[in-house]
C-alpha atoms as a PDB file:
ATOM      1  CA  MET A   1      77.911  87.891  65.352  1.00  0.00           C
ATOM      2  CA  VAL A   2      77.891  91.014  67.671  1.00  0.00           C
ATOM      3  CA  MET A   3      78.919  90.188  71.508  1.00  0.00           C
ATOM      4  CA  ASN A   4      77.017  92.051  74.202  1.00  0.00           C
ATOM      5  CA  ALA A   5      78.380  94.067  77.407  1.00  0.00           C
ATOM      6  CA  GLU A   6      78.689  91.079  79.134  1.00  0.00           C
ATOM      7  CA  GLN A   7      80.270  88.805  76.988  1.00  0.00           C
ATOM      8  CA  ILE A   8      83.146  91.276  76.379  1.00  0.00           C
ATOM      9  CA  PHE A   9      83.162  91.605  79.778  1.00  0.00           C
ATOM     10  CA  GLN A  10      84.035  88.303  80.303  1.00  0.00           C
ATOM     11  CA  ILE A  11      86.630  87.548  77.446  1.00  0.00           C
ATOM     12  CA  VAL A  12      88.687  91.006  78.477  1.00  0.00           C
ATOM     13  CA  ASN A  13      88.108  89.603  82.173  1.00  0.00           C
ATOM     14  CA  LEU A  14      89.751  86.229  80.835  1.00  0.00           C
ATOM     15  CA  VAL A  15      92.186  87.762  79.257  1.00  0.00           C
ATOM     16  CA  ALA A  16      93.760  90.006  81.946  1.00  0.00           C
ATOM     17  CA  LEU A  17      93.610  86.969  84.458  1.00  0.00           C
ATOM     18  CA  ILE A  18      95.820  85.083  82.601  1.00  0.00           C
ATOM     19  CA  ALA A  19      97.990  88.435  81.628  1.00  0.00           C
ATOM     20  CA  TRP A  20      98.307  88.464  85.471  1.00  0.00           C
ATOM     21  CA  LEU A  21      98.581  85.098  86.294  1.00  0.00           C
ATOM     22  CA  GLY A  22     101.968  85.458  83.959  1.00  0.00           C
ATOM     23  CA  LEU A  23     103.306  88.111  85.578  1.00  0.00           C
ATOM     24  CA  LEU A  24     102.401  86.494  89.074  1.00  0.00           C
ATOM     25  CA  PHE A  25     104.120  82.984  88.696  1.00  0.00           C
ATOM     26  CA  PHE A  26     105.408  83.082  85.370  1.00  0.00           C
ATOM     27  CA  PRO A  27     107.491  86.568  84.839  1.00  0.00           C
ATOM     28  CA  ARG A  28     110.471  85.287  83.342  1.00  0.00           C
ATOM     29  CA  TRP A  29     108.828  82.749  81.158  1.00  0.00           C
ATOM     30  CA  LYS A  30     109.198  83.916  77.206  1.00  0.00           C
ATOM     31  CA  VAL A  31     105.829  83.975  76.540  1.00  0.00           C
ATOM     32  CA  THR A  32     105.036  86.318  79.700  1.00  0.00           C
ATOM     33  CA  GLN A  33     107.467  88.480  78.965  1.00  0.00           C
ATOM     34  CA  ILE A  34     106.306  88.127  74.624  1.00  0.00           C
ATOM     35  CA  VAL A  35     102.937  88.889  75.621  1.00  0.00           C
ATOM     36  CA  VAL A  36     102.466  91.137  79.016  1.00  0.00           C
ATOM     37  CA  VAL A  37     105.800  92.853  79.399  1.00  0.00           C
ATOM     38  CA  SER A  38     106.335  93.634  75.866  1.00  0.00           C
ATOM     39  CA  GLY A  39     102.909  96.108  76.621  1.00  0.00           C
ATOM     40  CA  LEU A  40     101.061  93.903  73.763  1.00  0.00           C
ATOM     41  CA  ILE A  41      98.747  92.992  75.887  1.00  0.00           C
ATOM     42  CA  CYS A  42      98.324  96.176  77.365  1.00  0.00           C
ATOM     43  CA  LEU A  43      97.505  97.958  73.935  1.00  0.00           C
ATOM     44  CA  VAL A  44      95.350  96.033  72.536  1.00  0.00           C
ATOM     45  CA  PHE A  45      93.552  96.931  75.858  1.00  0.00           C
ATOM     46  CA  ALA A  46      93.929 100.186  75.045  1.00  0.00           C
ATOM     47  CA  ILE A  47      92.779 100.120  71.659  1.00  0.00           C
ATOM     48  CA  PHE A  48      90.072  97.990  72.265  1.00  0.00           C
ATOM     49  CA  TYR A  49      89.097 101.113  74.805  1.00  0.00           C
ATOM     50  CA  LEU A  50      89.265 103.270  72.185  1.00  0.00           C
ATOM     51  CA  VAL A  51      86.612 101.593  70.320  1.00  0.00           C
ATOM     52  CA  LEU A  52      83.977 100.814  72.728  1.00  0.00           C
ATOM     53  CA  PHE A  53      84.735 105.096  74.096  1.00  0.00           C
ATOM     54  CA  ILE A  54      83.406 105.604  70.682  1.00  0.00           C
ATOM     55  CA  PHE A  55      80.654 103.062  70.615  1.00  0.00           C
ATOM     56  CA  SER A  56      79.785 103.710  74.044  1.00  0.00           C
ATOM     57  CA  MET A  57      79.785 108.100  74.009  1.00  0.00           C
ATOM     58  CA  GLY A  58      79.664 108.485  70.032  1.00  0.00           C
ATOM     59  CA  GLY A  59      75.904 107.819  70.584  1.00  0.00           C
ATOM     60  CA  SER A  60      75.279 110.017  73.502  1.00  0.00           C
ATOM     61  CA  GLU A  61      75.751 113.993  74.407  1.00  0.00           C
ATOM     62  CA  PHE A  62      79.527 114.063  75.624  1.00  0.00           C
ATOM     63  CA  ASP A  63      80.291 117.025  78.110  1.00  0.00           C
ATOM     64  CA  PHE A  64      82.847 117.262  80.035  1.00  0.00           C
ATOM     65  CA  GLU A  65      80.941 118.829  82.823  1.00  0.00           C
ATOM     66  CA  SER A  66      79.582 115.373  83.674  1.00  0.00           C
ATOM     67  CA  PHE A  67      83.832 114.971  84.928  1.00  0.00           C
ATOM     68  CA  GLN A  68      83.309 117.831  87.183  1.00  0.00           C
ATOM     69  CA  THR A  69      80.833 116.810  89.402  1.00  0.00           C
ATOM     70  CA  LEU A  70      79.950 113.025  91.463  1.00  0.00           C
ATOM     71  CA  SER A  71      77.065 113.144  89.924  1.00  0.00           C
ATOM     72  CA  GLY A  72      77.828 113.901  87.206  1.00  0.00           C
ATOM     73  CA  LEU A  73      80.465 111.066  86.669  1.00  0.00           C
ATOM     74  CA  SER A  74      77.444 108.807  88.130  1.00  0.00           C
ATOM     75  CA  SER A  75      75.191 109.407  85.465  1.00  0.00           C
ATOM     76  CA  MET A  76      78.310 109.364  82.721  1.00  0.00           C
ATOM     77  CA  PHE A  77      78.436 105.323  83.881  1.00  0.00           C
ATOM     78  CA  GLY A  78      74.347 104.470  83.661  1.00  0.00           C
ATOM     79  CA  SER A  79      74.888 101.788  81.153  1.00  0.00           C
ATOM     80  CA  ALA A  80      76.574  98.456  80.960  1.00  0.00           C
ATOM     81  CA  GLU A  81      78.366  99.565  78.067  1.00  0.00           C
ATOM     82  CA  ALA A  82      79.730 102.704  79.577  1.00  0.00           C
ATOM     83  CA  VAL A  83      81.012 100.836  82.949  1.00  0.00           C
ATOM     84  CA  LEU A  84      82.344  97.944  80.453  1.00  0.00           C
ATOM     85  CA  VAL A  85      84.411 100.776  79.245  1.00  0.00           C
ATOM     86  CA  GLY A  86      85.318 102.346  82.590  1.00  0.00           C
ATOM     87  CA  TRP A  87      86.296  98.496  83.389  1.00  0.00           C
ATOM     88  CA  VAL A  88      88.890  98.246  80.485  1.00  0.00           C
ATOM     89  CA  HIS A  89      90.222 101.577  81.183  1.00  0.00           C
ATOM     90  CA  TYR A  90      91.434  99.834  84.843  1.00  0.00           C
ATOM     91  CA  LEU A  91      92.530  97.092  83.112  1.00  0.00           C
ATOM     92  CA  ALA A  92      94.196  98.487  81.072  1.00  0.00           C
ATOM     93  CA  PHE A  93      96.326 100.699  83.528  1.00  0.00           C
ATOM     94  CA  ASP A  94      96.161  98.282  86.659  1.00  0.00           C
ATOM     95  CA  LEU A  95      98.563  95.983  84.463  1.00  0.00           C
ATOM     96  CA  PHE A  96     100.840  98.462  82.582  1.00  0.00           C
ATOM     97  CA  VAL A  97     101.513  99.568  86.276  1.00  0.00           C
ATOM     98  CA  GLY A  98     101.523  95.600  86.918  1.00  0.00           C
ATOM     99  CA  MET A  99     104.542  95.320  84.259  1.00  0.00           C
ATOM    100  CA  TRP A 100     106.706  98.302  85.233  1.00  0.00           C
ATOM    101  CA  ILE A 101     106.465  96.948  88.826  1.00  0.00           C
ATOM    102  CA  SER A 102     108.201  93.839  86.895  1.00  0.00           C
ATOM    103  CA  GLU A 103     110.470  94.953  85.056  1.00  0.00           C
ATOM    104  CA  ASP A 104     111.343  97.686  87.827  1.00  0.00           C
ATOM    105  CA  ALA A 105     111.976  95.331  90.025  1.00  0.00           C
ATOM    106  CA  LYS A 106     114.726  93.320  87.533  1.00  0.00           C
ATOM    107  CA  LYS A 107     116.363  96.102  86.705  1.00  0.00           C
ATOM    108  CA  LYS A 108     117.236  97.187  90.853  1.00  0.00           C
ATOM    109  CA  LYS A 109     117.610  93.054  91.007  1.00  0.00           C
ATOM    110  CA  ILE A 110     114.622  92.490  93.600  1.00  0.00           C
ATOM    111  CA  ALA A 111     113.776  89.185  93.808  1.00  0.00           C
ATOM    112  CA  HIS A 112     110.269  88.303  92.658  1.00  0.00           C
ATOM    113  CA  TRP A 113     109.015  86.842  95.246  1.00  0.00           C
ATOM    114  CA  LYS A 114     109.568  90.399  97.212  1.00  0.00           C
ATOM    115  CA  VAL A 115     107.329  91.770  94.623  1.00  0.00           C
ATOM    116  CA  PHE A 116     104.777  89.164  94.537  1.00  0.00           C
ATOM    117  CA  ILE A 117     102.403  90.723  97.444  1.00  0.00           C
ATOM    118  CA  PRO A 118     102.622  94.516  95.876  1.00  0.00           C
ATOM    119  CA  LEU A 119     101.941  92.603  92.257  1.00  0.00           C
ATOM    120  CA  LEU A 120      98.776  90.720  94.142  1.00  0.00           C
ATOM    121  CA  PHE A 121      97.662  94.064  95.414  1.00  0.00           C
ATOM    122  CA  THR A 122      97.965  96.036  91.859  1.00  0.00           C
ATOM    123  CA  PHE A 123      95.644  93.322  89.922  1.00  0.00           C
ATOM    124  CA  MET A 124      93.009  93.360  93.265  1.00  0.00           C
ATOM    125  CA  ALA A 125      93.291  97.783  93.997  1.00  0.00           C
ATOM    126  CA  GLY A 126      95.648  99.329  91.678  1.00  0.00           C
ATOM    127  CA  PRO A 127      97.274 101.897  93.504  1.00  0.00           C
ATOM    128  CA  ILE A 128      97.344 100.020  96.936  1.00  0.00           C
ATOM    129  CA  GLY A 129      99.599  97.602  94.918  1.00  0.00           C
ATOM    130  CA  LEU A 130     101.439 100.763  93.739  1.00  0.00           C
ATOM    131  CA  LEU A 131     102.356 101.883  97.220  1.00  0.00           C
ATOM    132  CA  LEU A 132     103.072  98.230  98.242  1.00  0.00           C
ATOM    133  CA  TYR A 133     105.774  98.361  95.626  1.00  0.00           C
ATOM    134  CA  PHE A 134     106.719 101.378  96.393  1.00  0.00           C
ATOM    135  CA  LEU A 135     107.836 100.508 100.211  1.00  0.00           C
ATOM    136  CA  VAL A 136     109.778  97.078  99.107  1.00  0.00           C
ATOM    137  CA  ARG A 137     111.224  99.078  96.571  1.00  0.00           C
ATOM    138  CA  ALA A 138     112.328 101.661  99.293  1.00  0.00           C
ATOM    139  CA  LEU A 139     113.352  98.293 101.705  1.00  0.00           C
ATOM    140  CA  ALA A 140     115.389  96.911  98.977  1.00  0.00           C
ATOM    141  CA  THR A 141     117.245  99.792  97.340  1.00  0.00           C
ATOM    142  CA  LYS A 142     117.068 102.421 100.430  1.00  0.00           C
ATOM    143  CA  GLU A 143     115.805 104.828  97.765  1.00  0.00           C
ATOM    144  CA  ILE A 144     112.282 105.637  98.259  1.00  0.00           C
ATOM    145  CA  VAL A 145     111.944 107.249  94.891  1.00  0.00           C
ATOM    146  CA  HIS A 146     114.509 106.876  92.054  1.00  0.00           C
ATOM    147  CA  LYS A 147     115.508 110.031  89.814  1.00  0.00           C
ATOM    148  CA  ASN A 148     114.917 107.754  87.029  1.00  0.00           C
ATOM    149  CA  PHE A 149     111.407 107.087  88.276  1.00  0.00           C
END
């Protein structure tokens, strides 16, 4: 059975949602630690991204000039399959950032309730959540950027 882009979209969104619920509500739970914080889901998304990228871009003319203009980039995302590739990219990287926030906060002994809102924003609007976490971390630790990042 071959799945279409819409079905794949639904599955990756469900997996990402479950991972984010673990990070948000059960960050210390053993299952969350093994499946999410370990990077396992990010790894699966990265492999899946590679496969989707090869299959969606493999049949078309791929040129790096398309990345140099907004119209070129827009034309690259002219199919559901290409948008799916981009979406999996976002899911993988936003989840990775959420994973990093969760672990960094734990190392810096920042209470989970203080990073809940940054994690929620990272889930919904990645860079805003990261910015909020840096603000929370600066207030909690009195350092803006740690020497070990």
